[in-house]
Amino acid sequence: MKISVALGLISLALAVPRPPSPALSDTGVSNYNNVNNAAPPNQRPASPAQSNTQPATPNPVPANIEGLDTSYSVKCGRSTFPGADIHRAISLGVDLDRNGKQLGTFPHDYTNYENFNFLNKECNGKGGLRRREIPIVRGGYFNGKLDAKDNVFRAIYLHNIWETADGQGKVPAIYCGTIYHPKGAQTFQGCDVRKVKS
């Protein structure tokens, strides 16, 4: 009798489904800025860098980007980028930021070691929003892989992940400027921004 009761309990324990364990990507710390771990709890999923997951093919909702006119082009050294390419890059960065994801290591904070004077004065400030950096790709979206030839151009932007979208689902961002790595250089040069004179 004891054996049949024990077998009954074991079969019952095996039949009751367990709640799934959280995925590693749901348990880590968010990558977005991580200012003294100040991100509100349960608002941001973890960085894909901690879980080796990547988002699906990029198709972000276009952001409402202050200070960027997509009908103009930006010249970077010998290359020129249409405003639409810069808009796509920032829209992708904003979408990734809002979802707590990255492609490779982007977007990430841009510290401005080169001391650029950005187009929008909010981009030059030390408080509040953080400057973010994401590669610009001609006619498409950054896929997470840096290519020494094509991915030397970066869009710099500001975005508040907690700001609400407009009626069309577009989230606000601020265009700071476009920068690039000249061939063989480790530092950035400005395309439409200039360094502050010392």
Protein backbone atom coordinates (compact mmCIF):
# COMPACT_ATOMS: atom_id res chain seq x y z
CA MET A 1 0.00 0.00 0.00
CA LYS A 2 2.80 2.45 0.89
CA ILE A 3 4.49 1.73 -2.42
CA SER A 4 1.32 2.39 -4.42
CA VAL A 5 0.77 5.71 -2.55
CA ALA A 6 4.39 6.74 -3.20
CA LEU A 7 4.09 5.84 -6.89
CA GLY A 8 0.82 7.78 -7.08
CA LEU A 9 2.48 10.88 -5.58
CA ILE A 10 5.43 10.61 -7.94
CA SER A 11 3.21 10.29 -11.01
CA LEU A 12 1.11 13.25 -9.80
CA ALA A 13 4.25 15.35 -9.31
CA LEU A 14 5.40 14.52 -12.84
CA ALA A 15 1.97 15.34 -14.32
CA VAL A 16 1.73 18.85 -12.81
CA PRO A 17 3.51 21.31 -15.14
CA ARG A 18 6.12 23.58 -13.63
CA PRO A 19 6.18 27.27 -14.47
CA PRO A 20 8.94 27.94 -17.01
CA SER A 21 12.25 29.31 -15.77
CA PRO A 22 12.93 32.87 -16.87
CA ALA A 23 15.25 33.16 -19.83
CA LEU A 24 18.69 34.53 -19.09
CA SER A 25 17.80 37.67 -21.05
CA ASP A 26 14.90 38.30 -18.63
CA THR A 27 17.06 38.16 -15.53
CA GLY A 28 19.98 40.48 -16.24
CA VAL A 29 20.48 44.20 -15.78
CA SER A 30 19.32 46.50 -18.53
CA ASN A 31 22.06 47.90 -20.75
CA TYR A 32 20.40 51.30 -21.27
CA ASN A 33 22.70 53.81 -19.59
CA ASN A 34 22.59 51.89 -16.27
CA VAL A 35 23.13 55.08 -14.27
CA ASN A 36 23.80 53.68 -10.79
CA ASN A 37 21.23 50.97 -11.54
CA ALA A 38 18.55 53.65 -11.53
CA ALA A 39 16.34 52.16 -14.24
CA PRO A 40 12.83 51.56 -12.90
CA PRO A 41 12.26 47.86 -12.11
CA ASN A 42 10.35 45.71 -14.60
CA GLN A 43 10.40 48.40 -17.30
CA ARG A 44 13.37 47.28 -19.35
CA PRO A 45 14.38 43.81 -20.48
CA ALA A 46 18.01 42.84 -20.25
CA SER A 47 20.65 43.44 -22.87
CA PRO A 48 20.90 40.79 -25.59
CA ALA A 49 24.66 40.88 -24.98
CA GLN A 50 23.89 38.89 -21.82
CA SER A 51 21.77 36.30 -23.60
CA ASN A 52 23.18 36.12 -27.14
CA THR A 53 19.71 36.92 -28.53
CA GLN A 54 19.24 39.48 -31.24
CA PRO A 55 16.08 41.20 -32.40
CA ALA A 56 14.42 40.18 -35.65
CA THR A 57 15.18 42.03 -38.86
CA PRO A 58 14.94 45.72 -38.04
CA ASN A 59 11.66 47.38 -38.92
CA PRO A 60 11.32 50.12 -36.32
CA VAL A 61 8.58 52.71 -36.25
CA PRO A 62 10.17 55.90 -37.60
CA ALA A 63 11.07 58.25 -34.77
CA ASN A 64 10.01 61.89 -34.65
CA ILE A 65 13.54 63.36 -34.75
CA GLU A 66 13.97 67.01 -33.82
CA GLY A 67 16.66 68.83 -35.80
CA LEU A 68 16.96 66.34 -38.68
CA ASP A 69 15.70 67.29 -42.13
CA THR A 70 15.59 64.12 -44.21
CA SER A 71 15.58 66.10 -47.47
CA TYR A 72 19.19 67.19 -46.85
CA SER A 73 22.38 65.15 -47.07
CA VAL A 74 25.38 65.16 -44.74
CA LYS A 75 28.94 65.07 -46.11
CA CYS A 76 31.45 62.99 -44.15
CA GLY A 77 34.94 63.16 -45.64
CA ARG A 78 34.52 61.78 -49.17
CA SER A 79 31.13 60.19 -48.45
CA THR A 80 27.68 61.75 -48.41
CA PHE A 81 24.69 60.35 -46.54
CA PRO A 82 21.08 61.23 -47.29
CA GLY A 83 19.10 62.41 -44.29
CA ALA A 84 16.86 59.35 -44.75
CA ASP A 85 19.80 57.02 -43.91
CA ILE A 86 20.52 58.99 -40.74
CA HIS A 87 16.81 58.94 -39.84
CA ARG A 88 16.71 55.14 -40.27
CA ALA A 89 19.77 54.72 -38.04
CA ILE A 90 18.33 56.88 -35.24
CA SER A 91 14.89 55.24 -35.53
CA LEU A 92 16.57 51.84 -35.11
CA GLY A 93 18.60 53.11 -32.14
CA VAL A 94 15.51 54.53 -30.45
CA ASP A 95 13.59 51.29 -31.03
CA LEU A 96 16.42 49.19 -29.61
CA ASP A 97 16.79 51.54 -26.61
CA ARG A 98 13.07 51.37 -25.84
CA ASN A 99 13.14 47.58 -25.96
CA GLY A 100 16.37 47.20 -23.95
CA LYS A 101 18.16 45.55 -26.87
CA GLN A 102 21.38 46.01 -28.79
CA LEU A 103 22.73 44.86 -32.12
CA GLY A 104 26.31 43.92 -31.37
CA THR A 105 27.26 46.69 -28.96
CA PHE A 106 24.99 49.37 -30.46
CA PRO A 107 23.39 51.66 -29.58
CA HIS A 108 25.58 52.76 -26.71
CA ASP A 109 26.52 55.97 -24.94
CA TYR A 110 28.72 58.42 -26.81
CA THR A 111 31.04 60.25 -24.41
CA ASN A 112 32.28 62.99 -26.77
CA TYR A 113 36.00 62.66 -26.02
CA GLU A 114 36.57 64.71 -29.18
CA ASN A 115 34.72 67.68 -27.62
CA PHE A 116 32.25 68.32 -30.45
CA ASN A 117 29.87 71.26 -30.29
CA PHE A 118 26.64 69.54 -31.31
CA LEU A 119 23.86 71.11 -33.36
CA ASN A 120 21.29 71.05 -30.56
CA LYS A 121 22.41 72.60 -27.26
CA GLU A 122 20.72 69.76 -25.32
CA CYS A 123 23.27 67.40 -26.88
CA ASN A 124 26.10 69.37 -25.26
CA GLY A 125 24.66 69.18 -21.74
CA LYS A 126 25.78 66.98 -18.90
CA GLY A 127 22.40 66.35 -17.25
CA GLY A 128 19.26 64.45 -18.11
CA LEU A 129 19.37 62.56 -21.37
CA ARG A 130 22.41 60.64 -22.55
CA ARG A 131 23.98 60.93 -25.98
CA ARG A 132 23.69 57.67 -27.90
CA GLU A 133 25.65 56.39 -30.90
CA ILE A 134 24.61 54.02 -33.69
CA PRO A 135 26.17 53.19 -37.10
CA ILE A 136 24.62 54.58 -40.29
CA VAL A 137 24.10 52.20 -43.21
CA ARG A 138 23.38 53.27 -46.77
CA GLY A 139 19.82 52.38 -47.76
CA GLY A 140 19.21 50.06 -44.82
CA TYR A 141 19.68 49.27 -41.17
CA PHE A 142 22.72 48.31 -39.12
CA ASN A 143 22.72 44.52 -38.61
CA GLY A 144 25.03 44.27 -35.61
CA LYS A 145 28.23 43.56 -37.55
CA LEU A 146 30.86 46.25 -37.90
CA ASP A 147 32.46 46.44 -41.31
CA ALA A 148 35.66 48.51 -41.43
CA LYS A 149 34.68 49.91 -44.82
CA ASP A 150 31.02 50.80 -44.30
CA ASN A 151 30.33 51.19 -40.59
CA VAL A 152 32.64 54.05 -39.70
CA PHE A 153 29.81 56.61 -39.81
CA ARG A 154 27.74 57.25 -36.68
CA ALA A 155 24.55 59.11 -35.89
CA ILE A 156 24.53 60.74 -32.45
CA TYR A 157 21.16 61.34 -30.81
CA LEU A 158 19.32 61.90 -27.54
CA HIS A 159 16.29 59.89 -26.50
CA ASN A 160 14.28 59.50 -23.30
CA ILE A 161 13.07 55.89 -23.19
CA TRP A 162 10.19 56.80 -20.89
CA GLU A 163 8.77 59.54 -23.13
CA THR A 164 5.46 58.61 -24.76
CA ALA A 165 4.92 58.23 -28.48
CA ASP A 166 2.71 60.57 -30.48
CA GLY A 167 -0.65 59.54 -32.00
CA GLN A 168 1.13 57.82 -34.90
CA GLY A 169 3.31 55.76 -32.57
CA LYS A 170 6.41 57.84 -33.33
CA VAL A 171 8.67 58.40 -30.35
CA PRO A 172 10.63 61.65 -29.98
CA ALA A 173 14.40 61.93 -30.30
CA ILE A 174 16.88 64.76 -30.84
CA TYR A 175 19.46 64.68 -33.62
CA CYS A 176 22.88 65.76 -32.33
CA GLY A 177 25.03 65.24 -35.41
CA THR A 178 26.89 62.80 -37.62
CA ILE A 179 30.52 61.79 -37.05
CA TYR A 180 32.93 59.31 -38.62
CA HIS A 181 36.26 57.53 -38.21
CA PRO A 182 38.65 58.66 -40.97
CA LYS A 183 40.64 55.80 -42.47
CA GLY A 184 43.22 54.56 -39.97
CA ALA A 185 42.10 56.94 -37.20
CA GLN A 186 40.91 55.87 -33.76
CA THR A 187 39.13 59.15 -33.02
CA PHE A 188 36.08 60.67 -34.67
CA GLN A 189 35.83 63.65 -37.00
CA GLY A 190 32.66 65.67 -37.41
CA CYS A 191 30.53 65.63 -40.53
CA ASP A 192 28.02 68.34 -39.63
CA VAL A 193 29.51 69.17 -36.22
CA ARG A 194 32.78 70.85 -35.28
CA LYS A 195 35.12 70.49 -32.34
CA VAL A 196 35.06 73.18 -29.69
CA LYS A 197 38.18 75.32 -30.02
CA SER A 198 40.38 75.12 -26.94
